[in-house]
């Protein structure tokens, strides 16, 4: 998805980059086997054929963050604005929202 976005929307991404400079998003895919191997190397023993328990998932999330500088994710739905926020390296979703709202009722100066 992100490769296609880079390919087809380069002009728009350049315009965003002028106002909010960002580094291209790096994506990777970690297989279940690779995750189990990372846990094993960290000293966590789990059933390699079973599902990970909550503690193992938390540990794997920390390992992913340390190794890839990326928060763990999976099996979740994200809106277009949030995807664009991550893609453009923004910390505030209002910077990628067409109509950003504010609970205090005023506009932000971005």
PDB file of N, CA and C in Angstrom:
ATOM      1  N   UNK A   1       0.820  -1.176   0.000  1.00  0.00           N
ATOM      2  CA  UNK A   1       0.000   0.000   0.000  1.00  0.00           C
ATOM      3  C   UNK A   1       0.874   1.254   0.000  1.00  0.00           C
ATOM      4  N   UNK A   2       1.900   1.290   0.866  1.00  0.00           N
ATOM      5  CA  UNK A   2       2.733   2.479   0.956  1.00  0.00           C
ATOM      6  C   UNK A   2       3.595   2.659  -0.286  1.00  0.00           C
ATOM      7  N   UNK A   3       4.058   1.556  -0.871  1.00  0.00           N
ATOM      8  CA  UNK A   3       4.834   1.662  -2.106  1.00  0.00           C
ATOM      9  C   UNK A   3       3.981   2.284  -3.210  1.00  0.00           C
ATOM     10  N   UNK A   4       2.739   1.846  -3.311  1.00  0.00           N
ATOM     11  CA  UNK A   4       1.827   2.390  -4.318  1.00  0.00           C
ATOM     12  C   UNK A   4       1.542   3.866  -4.047  1.00  0.00           C
ATOM     13  N   UNK A   5       1.392   4.230  -2.777  1.00  0.00           N
ATOM     14  CA  UNK A   5       1.164   5.623  -2.403  1.00  0.00           C
ATOM     15  C   UNK A   5       2.361   6.480  -2.826  1.00  0.00           C
ATOM     16  N   UNK A   6       3.564   6.014  -2.568  1.00  0.00           N
ATOM     17  CA  UNK A   6       4.763   6.736  -2.997  1.00  0.00           C
ATOM     18  C   UNK A   6       4.805   6.889  -4.505  1.00  0.00           C
ATOM     19  N   UNK A   7       4.410   5.852  -5.185  1.00  0.00           N
ATOM     20  CA  UNK A   7       4.473   5.818  -6.641  1.00  0.00           C
ATOM     21  C   UNK A   7       3.458   6.755  -7.293  1.00  0.00           C
ATOM     22  N   UNK A   8       2.235   6.730  -6.811  1.00  0.00           N
ATOM     23  CA  UNK A   8       1.166   7.468  -7.483  1.00  0.00           C
ATOM     24  C   UNK A   8       0.908   8.869  -6.939  1.00  0.00           C
ATOM     25  N   UNK A   9       1.387   9.170  -5.764  1.00  0.00           N
ATOM     26  CA  UNK A   9       1.074  10.465  -5.126  1.00  0.00           C
ATOM     27  C   UNK A   9       2.325  11.273  -4.812  1.00  0.00           C
ATOM     28  N   UNK A  10       3.370  11.126  -5.600  1.00  0.00           N
ATOM     29  CA  UNK A  10       4.629  11.788  -5.290  1.00  0.00           C
ATOM     30  C   UNK A  10       4.482  13.306  -5.257  1.00  0.00           C
ATOM     31  N   UNK A  11       3.723  13.888  -6.182  1.00  0.00           N
ATOM     32  CA  UNK A  11       3.538  15.341  -6.218  1.00  0.00           C
ATOM     33  C   UNK A  11       2.882  15.835  -4.922  1.00  0.00           C
ATOM     34  N   UNK A  12       1.855  15.129  -4.464  1.00  0.00           N
ATOM     35  CA  UNK A  12       1.161  15.509  -3.241  1.00  0.00           C
ATOM     36  C   UNK A  12       2.054  15.331  -2.020  1.00  0.00           C
ATOM     37  N   UNK A  13       2.819  14.244  -1.993  1.00  0.00           N
ATOM     38  CA  UNK A  13       3.726  14.002  -0.876  1.00  0.00           C
ATOM     39  C   UNK A  13       4.835  15.053  -0.826  1.00  0.00           C
ATOM     40  N   UNK A  14       5.301  15.503  -1.985  1.00  0.00           N
ATOM     41  CA  UNK A  14       6.292  16.582  -2.018  1.00  0.00           C
ATOM     42  C   UNK A  14       5.719  17.867  -1.435  1.00  0.00           C
ATOM     43  N   UNK A  15       4.439  18.154  -1.742  1.00  0.00           N
ATOM     44  CA  UNK A  15       3.789  19.351  -1.204  1.00  0.00           C
ATOM     45  C   UNK A  15       3.665  19.264   0.318  1.00  0.00           C
ATOM     46  N   UNK A  16       3.281  18.098   0.826  1.00  0.00           N
ATOM     47  CA  UNK A  16       3.194  17.907   2.274  1.00  0.00           C
ATOM     48  C   UNK A  16       4.579  18.046   2.894  1.00  0.00           C
ATOM     49  N   UNK A  17       5.578  17.472   2.239  1.00  0.00           N
ATOM     50  CA  UNK A  17       6.943  17.503   2.747  1.00  0.00           C
ATOM     51  C   UNK A  17       7.531  18.898   2.844  1.00  0.00           C
ATOM     52  N   UNK A  18       7.052  19.818   2.014  1.00  0.00           N
ATOM     53  CA  UNK A  18       7.541  21.199   2.091  1.00  0.00           C
ATOM     54  C   UNK A  18       7.067  21.865   3.380  1.00  0.00           C
ATOM     55  N   UNK A  19       5.837  21.590   3.788  1.00  0.00           N
ATOM     56  CA  UNK A  19       5.306  22.194   5.004  1.00  0.00           C
ATOM     57  C   UNK A  19       5.690  21.385   6.241  1.00  0.00           C
ATOM     58  N   UNK A  20       5.637  20.060   6.116  1.00  0.00           N
ATOM     59  CA  UNK A  20       5.960  19.173   7.227  1.00  0.00           C
ATOM     60  C   UNK A  20       6.991  18.156   6.751  1.00  0.00           C
ATOM     61  N   UNK A  21       8.277  18.500   6.800  1.00  0.00           N
ATOM     62  CA  UNK A  21       9.296  17.564   6.314  1.00  0.00           C
ATOM     63  C   UNK A  21       9.211  16.211   7.041  1.00  0.00           C
ATOM     64  N   UNK A  22       9.379  15.142   6.278  1.00  0.00           N
ATOM     65  CA  UNK A  22       9.331  13.802   6.862  1.00  0.00           C
ATOM     66  C   UNK A  22      10.220  12.853   6.090  1.00  0.00           C
ATOM     67  N   UNK A  23      10.656  11.819   6.786  1.00  0.00           N
ATOM     68  CA  UNK A  23      11.437  10.760   6.161  1.00  0.00           C
ATOM     69  C   UNK A  23      10.460   9.714   5.647  1.00  0.00           C
ATOM     70  N   UNK A  24      10.775   9.074   4.524  1.00  0.00           N
ATOM     71  CA  UNK A  24       9.884   8.020   4.017  1.00  0.00           C
ATOM     72  C   UNK A  24       9.687   6.923   5.053  1.00  0.00           C
ATOM     73  N   UNK A  25       8.468   6.420   5.132  1.00  0.00           N
ATOM     74  CA  UNK A  25       8.122   5.362   6.075  1.00  0.00           C
ATOM     75  C   UNK A  25       8.741   4.051   5.621  1.00  0.00           C
ATOM     76  N   UNK A  26       9.421   3.393   6.544  1.00  0.00           N
ATOM     77  CA  UNK A  26       9.977   2.078   6.255  1.00  0.00           C
ATOM     78  C   UNK A  26       9.007   1.039   6.793  1.00  0.00           C
ATOM     79  N   UNK A  27       8.677   0.088   5.983  1.00  0.00           N
ATOM     80  CA  UNK A  27       7.758  -0.958   6.414  1.00  0.00           C
ATOM     81  C   UNK A  27       8.493  -2.296   6.404  1.00  0.00           C
ATOM     82  N   UNK A  28       8.047  -3.169   7.236  1.00  0.00           N
ATOM     83  CA  UNK A  28       8.587  -4.523   7.269  1.00  0.00           C
ATOM     84  C   UNK A  28       7.484  -5.459   7.730  1.00  0.00           C
ATOM     85  N   UNK A  29       7.686  -6.720   7.455  1.00  0.00           N
ATOM     86  CA  UNK A  29       6.734  -7.729   7.885  1.00  0.00           C
ATOM     87  C   UNK A  29       7.481  -8.792   8.670  1.00  0.00           C
ATOM     88  N   UNK A  30       7.032  -9.015   9.878  1.00  0.00           N
ATOM     89  CA  UNK A  30       7.640 -10.001  10.755  1.00  0.00           C
ATOM     90  C   UNK A  30       6.736 -11.228  10.775  1.00  0.00           C
ATOM     91  N   UNK A  31       7.284 -12.374  10.404  1.00  0.00           N
ATOM     92  CA  UNK A  31       6.480 -13.593  10.433  1.00  0.00           C
ATOM     93  C   UNK A  31       6.364 -14.099  11.865  1.00  0.00           C
ATOM     94  N   UNK A  32       5.398 -14.968  12.095  1.00  0.00           N
ATOM     95  CA  UNK A  32       5.215 -15.556  13.423  1.00  0.00           C
ATOM     96  C   UNK A  32       6.479 -16.285  13.852  1.00  0.00           C
ATOM     97  N   UNK A  33       7.086 -17.022  12.914  1.00  0.00           N
ATOM     98  CA  UNK A  33       8.297 -17.784  13.228  1.00  0.00           C
ATOM     99  C   UNK A  33       9.430 -16.849  13.631  1.00  0.00           C
ATOM    100  N   UNK A  34       9.551 -15.704  12.939  1.00  0.00           N
ATOM    101  CA  UNK A  34      10.599 -14.743  13.301  1.00  0.00           C
ATOM    102  C   UNK A  34      10.341 -14.155  14.688  1.00  0.00           C
ATOM    103  N   UNK A  35       9.083 -13.899  15.004  1.00  0.00           N
ATOM    104  CA  UNK A  35       8.734 -13.389  16.325  1.00  0.00           C
ATOM    105  C   UNK A  35       9.066 -14.389  17.419  1.00  0.00           C
ATOM    106  N   UNK A  36       8.732 -15.645  17.184  1.00  0.00           N
ATOM    107  CA  UNK A  36       9.042 -16.702  18.157  1.00  0.00           C
ATOM    108  C   UNK A  36      10.559 -16.812  18.327  1.00  0.00           C
ATOM    109  N   UNK A  37      11.300 -16.691  17.230  1.00  0.00           N
ATOM    110  CA  UNK A  37      12.764 -16.755  17.301  1.00  0.00           C
ATOM    111  C   UNK A  37      13.322 -15.584  18.106  1.00  0.00           C
ATOM    112  N   UNK A  38      12.770 -14.384  17.909  1.00  0.00           N
ATOM    113  CA  UNK A  38      13.213 -13.221  18.684  1.00  0.00           C
ATOM    114  C   UNK A  38      12.962 -13.446  20.170  1.00  0.00           C
ATOM    115  N   UNK A  39      11.809 -14.000  20.501  1.00  0.00           N
ATOM    116  CA  UNK A  39      11.495 -14.291  21.897  1.00  0.00           C
ATOM    117  C   UNK A  39      12.458 -15.331  22.469  1.00  0.00           C
ATOM    118  N   UNK A  40      12.739 -16.371  21.690  1.00  0.00           N
ATOM    119  CA  UNK A  40      13.629 -17.431  22.134  1.00  0.00           C
ATOM    120  C   UNK A  40      15.024 -16.874  22.405  1.00  0.00           C
ATOM    121  N   UNK A  41      15.506 -15.982  21.504  1.00  0.00           N
ATOM    122  CA  UNK A  41      16.820 -15.369  21.683  1.00  0.00           C
ATOM    123  C   UNK A  41      16.859 -14.471  22.916  1.00  0.00           C
ATOM    124  N   UNK A  42      15.689 -13.942  23.308  1.00  0.00           N
ATOM    125  CA  UNK A  42      15.603 -13.091  24.501  1.00  0.00           C
ATOM    126  C   UNK A  42      15.372 -13.904  25.770  1.00  0.00           C
ATOM    127  N   UNK A  43      15.318 -15.230  25.631  1.00  0.00           N
ATOM    128  CA  UNK A  43      15.160 -16.089  26.799  1.00  0.00           C
ATOM    129  C   UNK A  43      13.722 -16.398  27.169  1.00  0.00           C
ATOM    130  N   UNK A  44      12.785 -16.087  26.286  1.00  0.00           N
ATOM    131  CA  UNK A  44      11.374 -16.370  26.545  1.00  0.00           C
ATOM    132  C   UNK A  44      11.016 -17.665  25.826  1.00  0.00           C
ATOM    133  N   UNK A  45      10.610 -18.656  26.580  1.00  0.00           N
ATOM    134  CA  UNK A  45      10.212 -19.932  25.992  1.00  0.00           C
ATOM    135  C   UNK A  45       8.699 -19.984  25.880  1.00  0.00           C
ATOM    136  N   UNK A  46       8.228 -20.261  24.682  1.00  0.00           N
ATOM    137  CA  UNK A  46       6.801 -20.380  24.413  1.00  0.00           C
ATOM    138  C   UNK A  46       6.596 -21.555  23.468  1.00  0.00           C
ATOM    139  N   UNK A  47       5.397 -22.047  23.403  1.00  0.00           N
ATOM    140  CA  UNK A  47       5.084 -23.124  22.469  1.00  0.00           C
ATOM    141  C   UNK A  47       5.181 -22.576  21.049  1.00  0.00           C
ATOM    142  N   UNK A  48       6.156 -23.040  20.239  1.00  0.00           N
ATOM    143  CA  UNK A  48       6.332 -22.494  18.893  1.00  0.00           C
ATOM    144  C   UNK A  48       5.157 -22.769  17.960  1.00  0.00           C
ATOM    145  N   UNK A  49       4.308 -23.728  18.333  1.00  0.00           N
ATOM    146  CA  UNK A  49       3.152 -24.035  17.494  1.00  0.00           C
ATOM    147  C   UNK A  49       1.866 -23.440  18.045  1.00  0.00           C
ATOM    148  N   UNK A  50       1.925 -22.901  19.246  1.00  0.00           N
ATOM    149  CA  UNK A  50       0.735 -22.332  19.873  1.00  0.00           C
ATOM    150  C   UNK A  50       0.678 -20.824  19.707  1.00  0.00           C
ATOM    151  N   UNK A  51      -0.354 -20.240  20.282  1.00  0.00           N
ATOM    152  CA  UNK A  51      -0.524 -18.799  20.253  1.00  0.00           C
ATOM    153  C   UNK A  51       0.308 -18.179  21.374  1.00  0.00           C
ATOM    154  N   UNK A  52       0.743 -16.941  21.186  1.00  0.00           N
ATOM    155  CA  UNK A  52       1.522 -16.259  22.222  1.00  0.00           C
ATOM    156  C   UNK A  52       0.601 -15.781  23.332  1.00  0.00           C
ATOM    157  N   UNK A  53       1.061 -15.899  24.562  1.00  0.00           N
ATOM    158  CA  UNK A  53       0.277 -15.359  25.672  1.00  0.00           C
ATOM    159  C   UNK A  53       0.504 -13.847  25.752  1.00  0.00           C
ATOM    160  N   UNK A  54      -0.252 -13.179  26.577  1.00  0.00           N
ATOM    161  CA  UNK A  54      -0.198 -11.718  26.667  1.00  0.00           C
ATOM    162  C   UNK A  54       1.190 -11.224  27.032  1.00  0.00           C
ATOM    163  N   UNK A  55       1.818 -11.862  28.002  1.00  0.00           N
ATOM    164  CA  UNK A  55       3.154 -11.425  28.428  1.00  0.00           C
ATOM    165  C   UNK A  55       4.174 -11.583  27.296  1.00  0.00           C
ATOM    166  N   UNK A  56       4.072 -12.672  26.539  1.00  0.00           N
ATOM    167  CA  UNK A  56       4.997 -12.879  25.415  1.00  0.00           C
ATOM    168  C   UNK A  56       4.763 -11.826  24.334  1.00  0.00           C
ATOM    169  N   UNK A  57       3.503 -11.466  24.081  1.00  0.00           N
ATOM    170  CA  UNK A  57       3.213 -10.428  23.089  1.00  0.00           C
ATOM    171  C   UNK A  57       3.781  -9.079  23.522  1.00  0.00           C
ATOM    172  N   UNK A  58       3.657  -8.771  24.802  1.00  0.00           N
ATOM    173  CA  UNK A  58       4.230  -7.514  25.308  1.00  0.00           C
ATOM    174  C   UNK A  58       5.753  -7.508  25.170  1.00  0.00           C
ATOM    175  N   UNK A  59       6.374  -8.627  25.500  1.00  0.00           N
ATOM    176  CA  UNK A  59       7.827  -8.733  25.381  1.00  0.00           C
ATOM    177  C   UNK A  59       8.252  -8.598  23.929  1.00  0.00           C
ATOM    178  N   UNK A  60       7.526  -9.254  23.034  1.00  0.00           N
ATOM    179  CA  UNK A  60       7.841  -9.166  21.615  1.00  0.00           C
ATOM    180  C   UNK A  60       7.687  -7.722  21.123  1.00  0.00           C
ATOM    181  N   UNK A  61       6.665  -7.038  21.605  1.00  0.00           N
ATOM    182  CA  UNK A  61       6.487  -5.633  21.233  1.00  0.00           C
ATOM    183  C   UNK A  61       7.684  -4.786  21.629  1.00  0.00           C
ATOM    184  N   UNK A  62       8.214  -5.021  22.819  1.00  0.00           N
ATOM    185  CA  UNK A  62       9.402  -4.277  23.275  1.00  0.00           C
ATOM    186  C   UNK A  62      10.616  -4.624  22.420  1.00  0.00           C
ATOM    187  N   UNK A  63      10.747  -5.907  22.067  1.00  0.00           N
ATOM    188  CA  UNK A  63      11.874  -6.328  21.228  1.00  0.00           C
ATOM    189  C   UNK A  63      11.795  -5.702  19.837  1.00  0.00           C
ATOM    190  N   UNK A  64      10.594  -5.647  19.288  1.00  0.00           N
ATOM    191  CA  UNK A  64      10.404  -5.020  17.971  1.00  0.00           C
ATOM    192  C   UNK A  64      10.758  -3.544  18.040  1.00  0.00           C
ATOM    193  N   UNK A  65      10.316  -2.875  19.090  1.00  0.00           N
ATOM    194  CA  UNK A  65      10.615  -1.457  19.259  1.00  0.00           C
ATOM    195  C   UNK A  65      12.119  -1.230  19.336  1.00  0.00           C
ATOM    196  N   UNK A  66      12.825  -2.066  20.085  1.00  0.00           N
ATOM    197  CA  UNK A  66      14.277  -1.938  20.221  1.00  0.00           C
ATOM    198  C   UNK A  66      14.997  -2.218  18.907  1.00  0.00           C
ATOM    199  N   UNK A  67      14.593  -3.271  18.220  1.00  0.00           N
ATOM    200  CA  UNK A  67      15.314  -3.696  17.016  1.00  0.00           C
ATOM    201  C   UNK A  67      14.980  -2.852  15.796  1.00  0.00           C
ATOM    202  N   UNK A  68      13.709  -2.524  15.600  1.00  0.00           N
ATOM    203  CA  UNK A  68      13.287  -1.857  14.379  1.00  0.00           C
ATOM    204  C   UNK A  68      12.859  -0.407  14.586  1.00  0.00           C
ATOM    205  N   UNK A  69      12.886   0.084  15.818  1.00  0.00           N
ATOM    206  CA  UNK A  69      12.404   1.442  16.135  1.00  0.00           C
ATOM    207  C   UNK A  69      10.990   1.649  15.605  1.00  0.00           C
ATOM    208  N   UNK A  70      10.167   0.635  15.739  1.00  0.00           N
ATOM    209  CA  UNK A  70       8.794   0.694  15.248  1.00  0.00           C
ATOM    210  C   UNK A  70       7.873   0.098  16.295  1.00  0.00           C
ATOM    211  N   UNK A  71       6.753   0.750  16.549  1.00  0.00           N
ATOM    212  CA  UNK A  71       5.813   0.170  17.510  1.00  0.00           C
ATOM    213  C   UNK A  71       5.176  -1.090  16.945  1.00  0.00           C
ATOM    214  N   UNK A  72       4.863  -2.058  17.787  1.00  0.00           N
ATOM    215  CA  UNK A  72       4.212  -3.273  17.300  1.00  0.00           C
ATOM    216  C   UNK A  72       2.793  -2.968  16.854  1.00  0.00           C
ATOM    217  N   UNK A  73       2.327  -3.707  15.901  1.00  0.00           N
ATOM    218  CA  UNK A  73       0.960  -3.531  15.435  1.00  0.00           C
ATOM    219  C   UNK A  73       0.513  -4.818  14.761  1.00  0.00           C
ATOM    220  N   UNK A  74      -0.734  -4.910  14.514  1.00  0.00           N
ATOM    221  CA  UNK A  74      -1.271  -6.065  13.814  1.00  0.00           C
ATOM    222  C   UNK A  74      -2.741  -6.235  14.100  1.00  0.00           C
ATOM    223  N   UNK A  75      -3.450  -6.662  13.102  1.00  0.00           N
ATOM    224  CA  UNK A  75      -4.879  -6.938  13.209  1.00  0.00           C
ATOM    225  C   UNK A  75      -5.666  -5.770  13.802  1.00  0.00           C
ATOM    226  N   UNK A  76      -5.472  -4.602  13.250  1.00  0.00           N
ATOM    227  CA  UNK A  76      -6.267  -3.472  13.698  1.00  0.00           C
ATOM    228  C   UNK A  76      -6.663  -2.638  12.487  1.00  0.00           C
ATOM    229  N   UNK A  77      -7.709  -1.878  12.632  1.00  0.00           N
ATOM    230  CA  UNK A  77      -8.149  -0.982  11.577  1.00  0.00           C
ATOM    231  C   UNK A  77      -7.667   0.425  11.878  1.00  0.00           C
ATOM    232  N   UNK A  78      -7.141   1.084  10.894  1.00  0.00           N
ATOM    233  CA  UNK A  78      -6.692   2.461  11.069  1.00  0.00           C
ATOM    234  C   UNK A  78      -7.312   3.305   9.971  1.00  0.00           C
ATOM    235  N   UNK A  79      -7.758   4.488  10.323  1.00  0.00           N
ATOM    236  CA  UNK A  79      -8.347   5.390   9.353  1.00  0.00           C
ATOM    237  C   UNK A  79      -7.296   6.002   8.440  1.00  0.00           C
ATOM    238  N   UNK A  80      -7.752   6.560   7.348  1.00  0.00           N
ATOM    239  CA  UNK A  80      -6.858   7.157   6.368  1.00  0.00           C
ATOM    240  C   UNK A  80      -6.007   8.262   6.982  1.00  0.00           C
ATOM    241  N   UNK A  81      -6.612   9.089   7.830  1.00  0.00           N
ATOM    242  CA  UNK A  81      -5.855  10.183   8.438  1.00  0.00           C
ATOM    243  C   UNK A  81      -4.730   9.653   9.318  1.00  0.00           C
ATOM    244  N   UNK A  82      -4.990   8.588  10.065  1.00  0.00           N
ATOM    245  CA  UNK A  82      -3.950   8.010  10.930  1.00  0.00           C
ATOM    246  C   UNK A  82      -2.857   7.363  10.085  1.00  0.00           C
ATOM    247  N   UNK A  83      -3.233   6.692   9.018  1.00  0.00           N
ATOM    248  CA  UNK A  83      -2.237   6.094   8.132  1.00  0.00           C
ATOM    249  C   UNK A  83      -1.373   7.185   7.515  1.00  0.00           C
ATOM    250  N   UNK A  84      -2.007   8.266   7.057  1.00  0.00           N
ATOM    251  CA  UNK A  84      -1.262   9.378   6.475  1.00  0.00           C
ATOM    252  C   UNK A  84      -0.347  10.019   7.522  1.00  0.00           C
ATOM    253  N   UNK A  85      -0.816  10.126   8.767  1.00  0.00           N
ATOM    254  CA  UNK A  85      -0.007  10.679   9.848  1.00  0.00           C
ATOM    255  C   UNK A  85       1.262   9.836  10.047  1.00  0.00           C
ATOM    256  N   UNK A  86       1.107   8.524  10.100  1.00  0.00           N
ATOM    257  CA  UNK A  86       2.254   7.642  10.266  1.00  0.00           C
ATOM    258  C   UNK A  86       3.169   7.700   9.051  1.00  0.00           C
ATOM    259  N   UNK A  87       2.572   7.710   7.870  1.00  0.00           N
ATOM    260  CA  UNK A  87       3.326   7.722   6.625  1.00  0.00           C
ATOM    261  C   UNK A  87       4.180   8.986   6.528  1.00  0.00           C
ATOM    262  N   UNK A  88       3.630  10.108   6.978  1.00  0.00           N
ATOM    263  CA  UNK A  88       4.327  11.394   6.883  1.00  0.00           C
ATOM    264  C   UNK A  88       5.132  11.733   8.133  1.00  0.00           C
ATOM    265  N   UNK A  89       5.194  10.816   9.082  1.00  0.00           N
ATOM    266  CA  UNK A  89       6.017  11.027  10.260  1.00  0.00           C
ATOM    267  C   UNK A  89       5.525  12.137  11.173  1.00  0.00           C
ATOM    268  N   UNK A  90       4.235  12.388  11.190  1.00  0.00           N
ATOM    269  CA  UNK A  90       3.649  13.428  12.038  1.00  0.00           C
ATOM    270  C   UNK A  90       3.340  12.860  13.406  1.00  0.00           C
ATOM    271  N   UNK A  91       3.366  13.688  14.424  1.00  0.00           N
ATOM    272  CA  UNK A  91       3.029  13.281  15.777  1.00  0.00           C
ATOM    273  C   UNK A  91       1.602  13.668  16.138  1.00  0.00           C
ATOM    274  N   UNK A  92       0.966  14.497  15.317  1.00  0.00           N
ATOM    275  CA  UNK A  92      -0.361  15.015  15.608  1.00  0.00           C
ATOM    276  C   UNK A  92      -1.279  14.727  14.435  1.00  0.00           C
ATOM    277  N   UNK A  93      -2.350  14.006  14.667  1.00  0.00           N
ATOM    278  CA  UNK A  93      -3.260  13.630  13.590  1.00  0.00           C
ATOM    279  C   UNK A  93      -3.950  14.842  12.970  1.00  0.00           C
ATOM    280  N   UNK A  94      -4.036  15.930  13.712  1.00  0.00           N
ATOM    281  CA  UNK A  94      -4.652  17.148  13.165  1.00  0.00           C
ATOM    282  C   UNK A  94      -3.890  17.665  11.954  1.00  0.00           C
ATOM    283  N   UNK A  95      -2.609  17.350  11.858  1.00  0.00           N
ATOM    284  CA  UNK A  95      -1.800  17.815  10.736  1.00  0.00           C
ATOM    285  C   UNK A  95      -2.079  17.056   9.456  1.00  0.00           C
ATOM    286  N   UNK A  96      -2.808  15.957   9.535  1.00  0.00           N
ATOM    287  CA  UNK A  96      -3.148  15.195   8.334  1.00  0.00           C
ATOM    288  C   UNK A  96      -4.646  15.089   8.128  1.00  0.00           C
ATOM    289  N   UNK A  97      -5.403  15.797   8.931  1.00  0.00           N
ATOM    290  CA  UNK A  97      -6.859  15.770   8.833  1.00  0.00           C
ATOM    291  C   UNK A  97      -7.344  16.924   7.976  1.00  0.00           C
ATOM    292  N   UNK A  98      -8.288  16.640   7.086  1.00  0.00           N
ATOM    293  CA  UNK A  98      -8.841  17.688   6.242  1.00  0.00           C
ATOM    294  C   UNK A  98      -9.597  18.708   7.082  1.00  0.00           C
ATOM    295  N   UNK A  99     -10.344  18.246   8.082  1.00  0.00           N
ATOM    296  CA  UNK A  99     -11.106  19.121   8.974  1.00  0.00           C
ATOM    297  C   UNK A  99     -10.770  18.785  10.425  1.00  0.00           C
ATOM    298  N   UNK A 100      -9.597  19.232  10.925  1.00  0.00           N
ATOM    299  CA  UNK A 100      -9.242  18.890  12.303  1.00  0.00           C
ATOM    300  C   UNK A 100     -10.175  19.567  13.295  1.00  0.00           C
ATOM    301  N   UNK A 101     -10.607  18.806  14.265  1.00  0.00           N
ATOM    302  CA  UNK A 101     -11.478  19.349  15.296  1.00  0.00           C
ATOM    303  C   UNK A 101     -10.712  19.531  16.590  1.00  0.00           C
ATOM    304  N   UNK A 102     -11.263  20.310  17.471  1.00  0.00           N
ATOM    305  CA  UNK A 102     -10.643  20.534  18.756  1.00  0.00           C
ATOM    306  C   UNK A 102     -11.736  20.622  19.807  1.00  0.00           C
ATOM    307  N   UNK A 103     -11.594  19.894  20.907  1.00  0.00           N
ATOM    308  CA  UNK A 103     -12.650  19.920  21.917  1.00  0.00           C
ATOM    309  C   UNK A 103     -12.869  21.306  22.526  1.00  0.00           C
ATOM    310  N   UNK A 104     -11.866  22.176  22.433  1.00  0.00           N
ATOM    311  CA  UNK A 104     -12.012  23.531  22.971  1.00  0.00           C
ATOM    312  C   UNK A 104     -12.627  24.482  21.951  1.00  0.00           C
ATOM    313  N   UNK A 105     -12.798  24.025  20.704  1.00  0.00           N
ATOM    314  CA  UNK A 105     -13.514  24.805  19.703  1.00  0.00           C
ATOM    315  C   UNK A 105     -12.707  25.891  19.009  1.00  0.00           C
ATOM    316  N   UNK A 106     -11.392  25.735  18.922  1.00  0.00           N
ATOM    317  CA  UNK A 106     -10.641  26.736  18.168  1.00  0.00           C
ATOM    318  C   UNK A 106      -9.669  26.053  17.221  1.00  0.00           C
ATOM    319  N   UNK A 107      -9.257  26.786  16.205  1.00  0.00           N
ATOM    320  CA  UNK A 107      -8.355  26.256  15.204  1.00  0.00           C
ATOM    321  C   UNK A 107      -6.919  26.319  15.700  1.00  0.00           C
ATOM    322  N   UNK A 108      -6.130  25.368  15.228  1.00  0.00           N
ATOM    323  CA  UNK A 108      -4.709  25.353  15.550  1.00  0.00           C
ATOM    324  C   UNK A 108      -3.932  26.000  14.426  1.00  0.00           C
ATOM    325  N   UNK A 109      -2.842  26.593  14.746  1.00  0.00           N
ATOM    326  CA  UNK A 109      -1.941  27.141  13.739  1.00  0.00           C
ATOM    327  C   UNK A 109      -0.825  26.133  13.519  1.00  0.00           C
ATOM    328  N   UNK A 110      -0.914  25.380  12.438  1.00  0.00           N
ATOM    329  CA  UNK A 110       0.106  24.369  12.153  1.00  0.00           C
ATOM    330  C   UNK A 110       1.120  24.966  11.219  1.00  0.00           C
TER     331      UNK A 110
END
